[in-house]
Amino acid sequence: MKVNGYEIKPFADLKDANLVNANLKGANLSGANLRYANLDSANLVGANLEGANLVGANLVGANLVNADLIGAGLSGANLEGANLRNANLSCANLRYANLSCANLRYANLDGANLEGANVKETILEGKEEPSQDTTSLSEKVKELEEENKKLKKALKALLDT
């Protein structure tokens, strides 16, 4: 499938691609190189982006509902206002990503790296069972950053001996 002259397929090299407003609903871009791609307002509903490189990508306002982003590299990506409802972001690298005002309701963030991510006004709440953890995303990020500092300190102590 071609969109804006770009071949959309697994492991495609789409570095710096201009895919503004592109309809990529259900597209298979697993393992694709989308580094610094412009996906502003793109429709990526149900897209397979497992293991994709989205470092520095512009995903402002993108619709990623039900998207598979397992292990995706999103470091430094701009996801401001993106809809990631029900997206699978497990083990994704979101270091320093801009998630302000992003919708992460019911998203799977297990094992995701959110170090330094901007989570201002990020939407995480949904209908929750009373037994579920109700810690806010920003609190979880702070907890993870503190845990990371402790691990680095312990590792340094081990290396210094």
N, C-alpha and C. Protein backbone atom coordinates (compact mmCIF):
# COMPACT_ATOMS: atom_id res chain seq x y z
N MET A 1 0.85 -1.18 0.00
CA MET A 1 0.00 0.00 0.00
C MET A 1 0.89 1.24 0.00
N LYS A 2 0.52 2.22 -0.78
CA LYS A 2 1.27 3.47 -0.86
C LYS A 2 0.42 4.61 -0.30
N VAL A 3 1.08 5.46 0.48
CA VAL A 3 0.44 6.64 1.05
C VAL A 3 1.39 7.82 0.86
N ASN A 4 0.92 8.87 0.23
CA ASN A 4 1.74 10.06 -0.03
C ASN A 4 3.06 9.69 -0.73
N GLY A 5 3.03 8.66 -1.55
CA GLY A 5 4.22 8.23 -2.27
C GLY A 5 5.15 7.32 -1.48
N TYR A 6 4.78 6.99 -0.23
CA TYR A 6 5.61 6.13 0.62
C TYR A 6 5.04 4.72 0.65
N GLU A 7 5.90 3.73 0.55
CA GLU A 7 5.49 2.33 0.64
C GLU A 7 5.27 1.99 2.12
N ILE A 8 4.05 1.62 2.45
CA ILE A 8 3.69 1.29 3.83
C ILE A 8 3.72 -0.22 3.98
N LYS A 9 4.73 -0.70 4.72
CA LYS A 9 4.90 -2.14 4.91
C LYS A 9 5.81 -2.37 6.11
N PRO A 10 5.87 -3.60 6.63
CA PRO A 10 6.77 -3.88 7.76
C PRO A 10 8.21 -3.55 7.38
N PHE A 11 8.95 -3.02 8.33
CA PHE A 11 10.38 -2.68 8.19
C PHE A 11 10.67 -1.63 7.11
N ALA A 12 9.66 -0.87 6.73
CA ALA A 12 9.85 0.19 5.73
C ALA A 12 10.77 1.28 6.30
N ASP A 13 11.56 1.89 5.43
CA ASP A 13 12.41 3.01 5.84
C ASP A 13 11.66 4.30 5.52
N LEU A 14 11.03 4.87 6.56
CA LEU A 14 10.23 6.07 6.39
C LEU A 14 10.79 7.22 7.21
N LYS A 15 12.11 7.23 7.37
CA LYS A 15 12.77 8.28 8.13
C LYS A 15 12.44 9.63 7.48
N ASP A 16 12.03 10.58 8.32
CA ASP A 16 11.69 11.95 7.88
C ASP A 16 10.48 12.01 6.94
N ALA A 17 9.71 10.95 6.84
CA ALA A 17 8.55 10.93 5.93
C ALA A 17 7.50 11.95 6.35
N ASN A 18 6.84 12.54 5.36
CA ASN A 18 5.74 13.47 5.61
C ASN A 18 4.43 12.70 5.45
N LEU A 19 3.86 12.31 6.59
CA LEU A 19 2.62 11.56 6.59
C LEU A 19 1.53 12.30 7.37
N VAL A 20 1.53 13.62 7.25
CA VAL A 20 0.53 14.45 7.91
C VAL A 20 -0.86 14.06 7.43
N ASN A 21 -1.77 13.85 8.36
CA ASN A 21 -3.16 13.49 8.07
C ASN A 21 -3.31 12.18 7.29
N ALA A 22 -2.27 11.37 7.23
CA ALA A 22 -2.33 10.11 6.47
C ALA A 22 -3.30 9.13 7.11
N ASN A 23 -4.01 8.39 6.27
CA ASN A 23 -4.89 7.34 6.76
C ASN A 23 -4.12 6.03 6.75
N LEU A 24 -3.63 5.64 7.92
CA LEU A 24 -2.85 4.42 8.08
C LEU A 24 -3.58 3.44 8.99
N LYS A 25 -4.89 3.52 8.96
CA LYS A 25 -5.72 2.65 9.79
C LYS A 25 -5.40 1.19 9.49
N GLY A 26 -5.04 0.45 10.55
CA GLY A 26 -4.76 -0.97 10.43
C GLY A 26 -3.48 -1.31 9.69
N ALA A 27 -2.65 -0.31 9.39
CA ALA A 27 -1.41 -0.55 8.64
C ALA A 27 -0.43 -1.39 9.45
N ASN A 28 0.34 -2.22 8.75
CA ASN A 28 1.40 -3.01 9.39
C ASN A 28 2.74 -2.32 9.14
N LEU A 29 3.21 -1.62 10.17
CA LEU A 29 4.49 -0.93 10.12
C LEU A 29 5.43 -1.47 11.19
N SER A 30 5.27 -2.74 11.50
CA SER A 30 6.13 -3.34 12.53
C SER A 30 7.58 -3.24 12.09
N GLY A 31 8.43 -2.82 13.03
CA GLY A 31 9.85 -2.70 12.74
C GLY A 31 10.23 -1.58 11.80
N ALA A 32 9.28 -0.75 11.42
CA ALA A 32 9.56 0.34 10.46
C ALA A 32 10.41 1.44 11.08
N ASN A 33 11.20 2.10 10.25
CA ASN A 33 11.99 3.24 10.67
C ASN A 33 11.18 4.50 10.36
N LEU A 34 10.57 5.07 11.41
CA LEU A 34 9.78 6.28 11.27
C LEU A 34 10.44 7.42 12.05
N ARG A 35 11.75 7.33 12.19
CA ARG A 35 12.51 8.32 12.94
C ARG A 35 12.27 9.71 12.33
N TYR A 36 11.84 10.63 13.19
CA TYR A 36 11.57 12.02 12.81
C TYR A 36 10.48 12.17 11.74
N ALA A 37 9.68 11.16 11.55
CA ALA A 37 8.57 11.25 10.59
C ALA A 37 7.51 12.22 11.13
N ASN A 38 6.83 12.88 10.21
CA ASN A 38 5.75 13.79 10.59
C ASN A 38 4.43 13.07 10.39
N LEU A 39 3.85 12.63 11.52
CA LEU A 39 2.58 11.91 11.50
C LEU A 39 1.50 12.74 12.19
N ASP A 40 1.63 14.04 12.11
CA ASP A 40 0.67 14.96 12.71
C ASP A 40 -0.74 14.61 12.24
N SER A 41 -1.63 14.38 13.19
CA SER A 41 -3.05 14.09 12.93
C SER A 41 -3.28 12.84 12.08
N ALA A 42 -2.31 11.95 12.00
CA ALA A 42 -2.46 10.71 11.21
C ALA A 42 -3.45 9.76 11.89
N ASN A 43 -4.15 8.99 11.07
CA ASN A 43 -5.07 7.97 11.56
C ASN A 43 -4.31 6.64 11.61
N LEU A 44 -3.95 6.21 12.82
CA LEU A 44 -3.20 4.97 13.02
C LEU A 44 -4.02 4.00 13.88
N VAL A 45 -5.34 4.10 13.78
CA VAL A 45 -6.21 3.22 14.56
C VAL A 45 -5.90 1.76 14.22
N GLY A 46 -5.61 0.97 15.25
CA GLY A 46 -5.36 -0.45 15.06
C GLY A 46 -4.08 -0.77 14.30
N ALA A 47 -3.20 0.21 14.11
CA ALA A 47 -1.97 -0.02 13.37
C ALA A 47 -1.00 -0.89 14.17
N ASN A 48 -0.20 -1.68 13.46
CA ASN A 48 0.84 -2.49 14.08
C ASN A 48 2.16 -1.75 13.95
N LEU A 49 2.63 -1.19 15.08
CA LEU A 49 3.89 -0.46 15.12
C LEU A 49 4.85 -1.14 16.08
N GLU A 50 4.68 -2.44 16.25
CA GLU A 50 5.52 -3.19 17.17
C GLU A 50 6.99 -3.07 16.76
N GLY A 51 7.82 -2.62 17.70
CA GLY A 51 9.24 -2.50 17.44
C GLY A 51 9.63 -1.39 16.48
N ALA A 52 8.70 -0.53 16.13
CA ALA A 52 8.99 0.56 15.19
C ALA A 52 9.87 1.63 15.85
N ASN A 53 10.68 2.29 15.05
CA ASN A 53 11.53 3.38 15.53
C ASN A 53 10.81 4.68 15.24
N LEU A 54 10.25 5.28 16.30
CA LEU A 54 9.53 6.54 16.19
C LEU A 54 10.24 7.64 16.97
N VAL A 55 11.55 7.50 17.13
CA VAL A 55 12.34 8.48 17.86
C VAL A 55 12.19 9.85 17.21
N GLY A 56 11.79 10.84 18.02
CA GLY A 56 11.65 12.20 17.52
C GLY A 56 10.50 12.42 16.55
N ALA A 57 9.64 11.44 16.40
CA ALA A 57 8.51 11.58 15.46
C ALA A 57 7.49 12.59 15.97
N ASN A 58 6.81 13.25 15.05
CA ASN A 58 5.74 14.17 15.39
C ASN A 58 4.42 13.41 15.25
N LEU A 59 3.80 13.13 16.41
CA LEU A 59 2.52 12.42 16.44
C LEU A 59 1.45 13.28 17.11
N VAL A 60 1.59 14.60 16.98
CA VAL A 60 0.63 15.51 17.59
C VAL A 60 -0.76 15.24 17.03
N GLY A 61 -1.70 14.99 17.94
CA GLY A 61 -3.08 14.76 17.52
C GLY A 61 -3.32 13.48 16.75
N ALA A 62 -2.34 12.59 16.70
CA ALA A 62 -2.51 11.33 15.97
C ALA A 62 -3.52 10.43 16.70
N ASN A 63 -4.25 9.65 15.93
CA ASN A 63 -5.22 8.71 16.50
C ASN A 63 -4.59 7.31 16.49
N LEU A 64 -4.19 6.86 17.69
CA LEU A 64 -3.51 5.57 17.86
C LEU A 64 -4.37 4.61 18.69
N VAL A 65 -5.69 4.76 18.62
CA VAL A 65 -6.59 3.88 19.37
C VAL A 65 -6.34 2.43 18.95
N ASN A 66 -6.17 1.57 19.92
CA ASN A 66 -5.94 0.13 19.70
C ASN A 66 -4.67 -0.18 18.92
N ALA A 67 -3.74 0.76 18.84
CA ALA A 67 -2.49 0.53 18.12
C ALA A 67 -1.57 -0.36 18.95
N ASP A 68 -0.77 -1.16 18.27
CA ASP A 68 0.21 -2.04 18.91
C ASP A 68 1.57 -1.38 18.81
N LEU A 69 2.06 -0.89 19.96
CA LEU A 69 3.35 -0.20 20.01
C LEU A 69 4.32 -0.94 20.94
N ILE A 70 4.16 -2.26 21.04
CA ILE A 70 5.02 -3.05 21.92
C ILE A 70 6.48 -2.85 21.51
N GLY A 71 7.29 -2.43 22.47
CA GLY A 71 8.72 -2.27 22.21
C GLY A 71 9.08 -1.16 21.25
N ALA A 72 8.15 -0.29 20.94
CA ALA A 72 8.43 0.81 20.01
C ALA A 72 9.36 1.83 20.66
N GLY A 73 10.22 2.44 19.86
CA GLY A 73 11.10 3.50 20.34
C GLY A 73 10.45 4.84 20.10
N LEU A 74 9.98 5.47 21.18
CA LEU A 74 9.29 6.75 21.07
C LEU A 74 10.03 7.85 21.83
N SER A 75 11.30 7.65 22.07
CA SER A 75 12.10 8.62 22.81
C SER A 75 12.08 9.96 22.09
N GLY A 76 11.70 11.00 22.82
CA GLY A 76 11.66 12.33 22.24
C GLY A 76 10.53 12.57 21.27
N ALA A 77 9.62 11.62 21.13
CA ALA A 77 8.48 11.80 20.21
C ALA A 77 7.50 12.80 20.80
N ASN A 78 6.81 13.52 19.94
CA ASN A 78 5.80 14.48 20.38
C ASN A 78 4.43 13.85 20.17
N LEU A 79 3.81 13.45 21.29
CA LEU A 79 2.49 12.81 21.26
C LEU A 79 1.44 13.72 21.89
N GLU A 80 1.70 15.02 21.86
CA GLU A 80 0.77 15.96 22.47
C GLU A 80 -0.62 15.82 21.85
N GLY A 81 -1.59 15.57 22.71
CA GLY A 81 -2.98 15.45 22.25
C GLY A 81 -3.29 14.19 21.47
N ALA A 82 -2.35 13.26 21.42
CA ALA A 82 -2.58 12.00 20.68
C ALA A 82 -3.58 11.14 21.44
N ASN A 83 -4.34 10.35 20.71
CA ASN A 83 -5.29 9.44 21.32
C ASN A 83 -4.70 8.03 21.31
N LEU A 84 -4.27 7.58 22.49
CA LEU A 84 -3.64 6.28 22.65
C LEU A 84 -4.55 5.34 23.46
N ARG A 85 -5.83 5.59 23.41
CA ARG A 85 -6.78 4.78 24.16
C ARG A 85 -6.67 3.32 23.71
N ASN A 86 -6.52 2.43 24.68
CA ASN A 86 -6.39 0.98 24.46
C ASN A 86 -5.13 0.60 23.68
N ALA A 87 -4.19 1.52 23.53
CA ALA A 87 -2.94 1.20 22.82
C ALA A 87 -2.07 0.32 23.71
N ASN A 88 -1.28 -0.54 23.08
CA ASN A 88 -0.36 -1.40 23.82
C ASN A 88 1.04 -0.79 23.71
N LEU A 89 1.47 -0.18 24.82
CA LEU A 89 2.77 0.48 24.88
C LEU A 89 3.73 -0.27 25.79
N SER A 90 3.47 -1.55 26.00
CA SER A 90 4.33 -2.30 26.91
C SER A 90 5.75 -2.36 26.35
N CYS A 91 6.69 -2.13 27.24
CA CYS A 91 8.13 -2.12 26.92
C CYS A 91 8.52 -1.03 25.91
N ALA A 92 7.66 -0.05 25.70
CA ALA A 92 7.99 1.04 24.78
C ALA A 92 8.94 2.03 25.47
N ASN A 93 9.81 2.65 24.69
CA ASN A 93 10.71 3.66 25.21
C ASN A 93 10.10 5.03 24.97
N LEU A 94 9.58 5.63 26.05
CA LEU A 94 8.94 6.94 25.97
C LEU A 94 9.77 8.00 26.68
N ARG A 95 11.09 7.77 26.80
CA ARG A 95 11.95 8.73 27.49
C ARG A 95 11.86 10.09 26.80
N TYR A 96 11.57 11.09 27.62
CA TYR A 96 11.50 12.48 27.18
C TYR A 96 10.44 12.73 26.10
N ALA A 97 9.50 11.82 25.98
CA ALA A 97 8.39 12.02 25.03
C ALA A 97 7.43 13.05 25.60
N ASN A 98 6.78 13.79 24.72
CA ASN A 98 5.77 14.75 25.13
C ASN A 98 4.41 14.06 25.07
N LEU A 99 3.87 13.75 26.26
CA LEU A 99 2.56 13.10 26.34
C LEU A 99 1.51 14.04 26.91
N SER A 100 1.79 15.35 26.90
CA SER A 100 0.84 16.29 27.48
C SER A 100 -0.49 16.22 26.73
N CYS A 101 -1.54 16.14 27.50
CA CYS A 101 -2.92 16.08 26.98
C CYS A 101 -3.21 14.83 26.15
N ALA A 102 -2.30 13.86 26.15
CA ALA A 102 -2.55 12.61 25.41
C ALA A 102 -3.57 11.77 26.17
N ASN A 103 -4.37 11.01 25.44
CA ASN A 103 -5.36 10.12 26.03
C ASN A 103 -4.75 8.73 26.14
N LEU A 104 -4.46 8.31 27.37
CA LEU A 104 -3.88 6.99 27.62
C LEU A 104 -4.87 6.09 28.38
N ARG A 105 -6.15 6.37 28.27
CA ARG A 105 -7.15 5.54 28.95
C ARG A 105 -7.01 4.09 28.48
N TYR A 106 -6.89 3.22 29.45
CA TYR A 106 -6.82 1.76 29.23
C TYR A 106 -5.58 1.34 28.44
N ALA A 107 -4.62 2.23 28.25
CA ALA A 107 -3.39 1.86 27.54
C ALA A 107 -2.55 0.94 28.42
N ASN A 108 -1.83 0.02 27.80
CA ASN A 108 -0.94 -0.88 28.52
C ASN A 108 0.45 -0.27 28.52
N LEU A 109 0.92 0.14 29.72
CA LEU A 109 2.22 0.76 29.87
C LEU A 109 3.19 -0.13 30.65
N ASP A 110 2.88 -1.42 30.76
CA ASP A 110 3.74 -2.34 31.50
C ASP A 110 5.16 -2.32 30.94
N GLY A 111 6.11 -2.01 31.80
CA GLY A 111 7.51 -2.03 31.40
C GLY A 111 7.93 -0.86 30.52
N ALA A 112 7.05 0.10 30.28
CA ALA A 112 7.40 1.25 29.45
C ALA A 112 8.36 2.17 30.22
N ASN A 113 9.30 2.78 29.52
CA ASN A 113 10.24 3.70 30.12
C ASN A 113 9.71 5.12 29.90
N LEU A 114 9.29 5.76 31.00
CA LEU A 114 8.72 7.10 30.94
C LEU A 114 9.64 8.15 31.56
N GLU A 115 10.92 7.84 31.69
CA GLU A 115 11.86 8.76 32.32
C GLU A 115 11.87 10.10 31.60
N GLY A 116 11.62 11.16 32.36
CA GLY A 116 11.67 12.51 31.82
C GLY A 116 10.51 12.87 30.90
N ALA A 117 9.53 11.99 30.75
CA ALA A 117 8.40 12.26 29.85
C ALA A 117 7.54 13.40 30.40
N ASN A 118 7.02 14.21 29.52
CA ASN A 118 6.09 15.26 29.90
C ASN A 118 4.70 14.66 29.95
N VAL A 119 4.17 14.53 31.16
CA VAL A 119 2.85 13.91 31.32
C VAL A 119 1.82 14.92 31.85
N LYS A 120 2.10 16.21 31.65
CA LYS A 120 1.19 17.25 32.10
C LYS A 120 -0.17 17.09 31.43
N GLU A 121 -1.19 17.00 32.25
CA GLU A 121 -2.58 16.87 31.79
C GLU A 121 -2.83 15.63 30.95
N THR A 122 -1.98 14.62 31.09
CA THR A 122 -2.21 13.36 30.40
C THR A 122 -3.45 12.70 30.96
N ILE A 123 -4.28 12.17 30.10
CA ILE A 123 -5.52 11.52 30.52
C ILE A 123 -5.25 10.03 30.69
N LEU A 124 -5.41 9.56 31.92
CA LEU A 124 -5.17 8.16 32.20
C LEU A 124 -6.39 7.50 32.81
N GLU A 125 -7.24 8.28 33.41
CA GLU A 125 -8.38 7.72 34.11
C GLU A 125 -9.39 7.09 33.14
N GLY A 126 -10.04 6.11 33.65
CA GLY A 126 -11.13 5.47 32.94
C GLY A 126 -11.98 4.81 34.00
N LYS A 127 -12.90 4.01 33.63
CA LYS A 127 -13.67 3.27 34.61
C LYS A 127 -12.74 2.24 35.22
N GLU A 128 -12.49 2.37 36.50
CA GLU A 128 -11.55 1.47 37.14
C GLU A 128 -12.28 0.63 38.18
N GLU A 129 -11.83 -0.59 38.33
CA GLU A 129 -12.31 -1.44 39.40
C GLU A 129 -11.71 -0.92 40.70
N PRO A 130 -12.43 -0.98 41.83
CA PRO A 130 -11.90 -0.47 43.08
C PRO A 130 -10.57 -1.08 43.48
N SER A 131 -10.28 -2.30 43.06
CA SER A 131 -9.05 -2.97 43.47
C SER A 131 -7.83 -2.53 42.65
N GLN A 132 -8.04 -1.78 41.57
CA GLN A 132 -6.92 -1.39 40.71
C GLN A 132 -6.13 -0.24 41.33
N ASP A 133 -4.86 -0.14 40.96
CA ASP A 133 -3.98 0.92 41.40
C ASP A 133 -4.49 2.24 40.83
N THR A 134 -4.69 3.23 41.68
CA THR A 134 -5.20 4.52 41.22
C THR A 134 -4.12 5.60 41.26
N THR A 135 -2.87 5.21 41.33
CA THR A 135 -1.77 6.16 41.32
C THR A 135 -1.75 6.88 39.98
N SER A 136 -1.60 8.21 40.02
CA SER A 136 -1.58 8.97 38.77
C SER A 136 -0.33 8.66 37.97
N LEU A 137 -0.39 8.93 36.68
CA LEU A 137 0.75 8.66 35.80
C LEU A 137 1.96 9.48 36.23
N SER A 138 1.76 10.74 36.58
CA SER A 138 2.90 11.57 36.99
C SER A 138 3.53 11.03 38.27
N GLU A 139 2.72 10.50 39.19
CA GLU A 139 3.27 9.90 40.41
C GLU A 139 4.05 8.64 40.07
N LYS A 140 3.54 7.84 39.13
CA LYS A 140 4.24 6.63 38.73
C LYS A 140 5.58 6.96 38.07
N VAL A 141 5.59 8.02 37.24
CA VAL A 141 6.83 8.44 36.59
C VAL A 141 7.84 8.84 37.64
N LYS A 142 7.41 9.61 38.65
CA LYS A 142 8.32 10.03 39.72
C LYS A 142 8.85 8.82 40.47
N GLU A 143 7.98 7.85 40.77
CA GLU A 143 8.41 6.63 41.46
C GLU A 143 9.45 5.88 40.63
N LEU A 144 9.22 5.76 39.32
CA LEU A 144 10.16 5.07 38.45
C LEU A 144 11.49 5.80 38.37
N GLU A 145 11.45 7.13 38.33
CA GLU A 145 12.69 7.91 38.28
C GLU A 145 13.48 7.73 39.57
N GLU A 146 12.79 7.70 40.72
CA GLU A 146 13.47 7.49 42.01
C GLU A 146 14.09 6.09 42.06
N GLU A 147 13.33 5.10 41.59
CA GLU A 147 13.84 3.73 41.57
C GLU A 147 15.07 3.64 40.66
N ASN A 148 15.02 4.32 39.51
CA ASN A 148 16.14 4.33 38.57
C ASN A 148 17.38 4.96 39.23
N LYS A 149 17.21 6.06 39.98
CA LYS A 149 18.32 6.70 40.66
C LYS A 149 18.96 5.76 41.67
N LYS A 150 18.12 5.04 42.42
CA LYS A 150 18.62 4.10 43.42
C LYS A 150 19.42 2.98 42.76
N LEU A 151 18.91 2.48 41.64
CA LEU A 151 19.61 1.41 40.93
C LEU A 151 20.95 1.89 40.39
N LYS A 152 20.98 3.10 39.85
CA LYS A 152 22.24 3.67 39.34
C LYS A 152 23.25 3.83 40.47
N LYS A 153 22.77 4.30 41.63
CA LYS A 153 23.65 4.49 42.79
C LYS A 153 24.21 3.15 43.25
N ALA A 154 23.36 2.12 43.30
CA ALA A 154 23.81 0.79 43.71
C ALA A 154 24.81 0.21 42.71
N LEU A 155 24.56 0.40 41.43
CA LEU A 155 25.47 -0.08 40.40
C LEU A 155 26.82 0.63 40.49
N LYS A 156 26.79 1.93 40.71
CA LYS A 156 28.03 2.70 40.85
C LYS A 156 28.84 2.17 42.04
N ALA A 157 28.14 1.92 43.14
CA ALA A 157 28.82 1.39 44.34
C ALA A 157 29.46 0.04 44.05
N LEU A 158 28.77 -0.79 43.29
CA LEU A 158 29.32 -2.10 42.94
C LEU A 158 30.55 -1.97 42.04
N LEU A 159 30.49 -1.05 41.10
CA LEU A 159 31.61 -0.86 40.16
C LEU A 159 32.82 -0.22 40.84
N ASP A 160 32.57 0.58 41.88
CA ASP A 160 33.65 1.24 42.60
C ASP A 160 34.39 0.31 43.56
N THR A 161 33.85 -0.88 43.81
CA THR A 161 34.50 -1.79 44.77
C THR A 161 35.52 -2.68 44.09
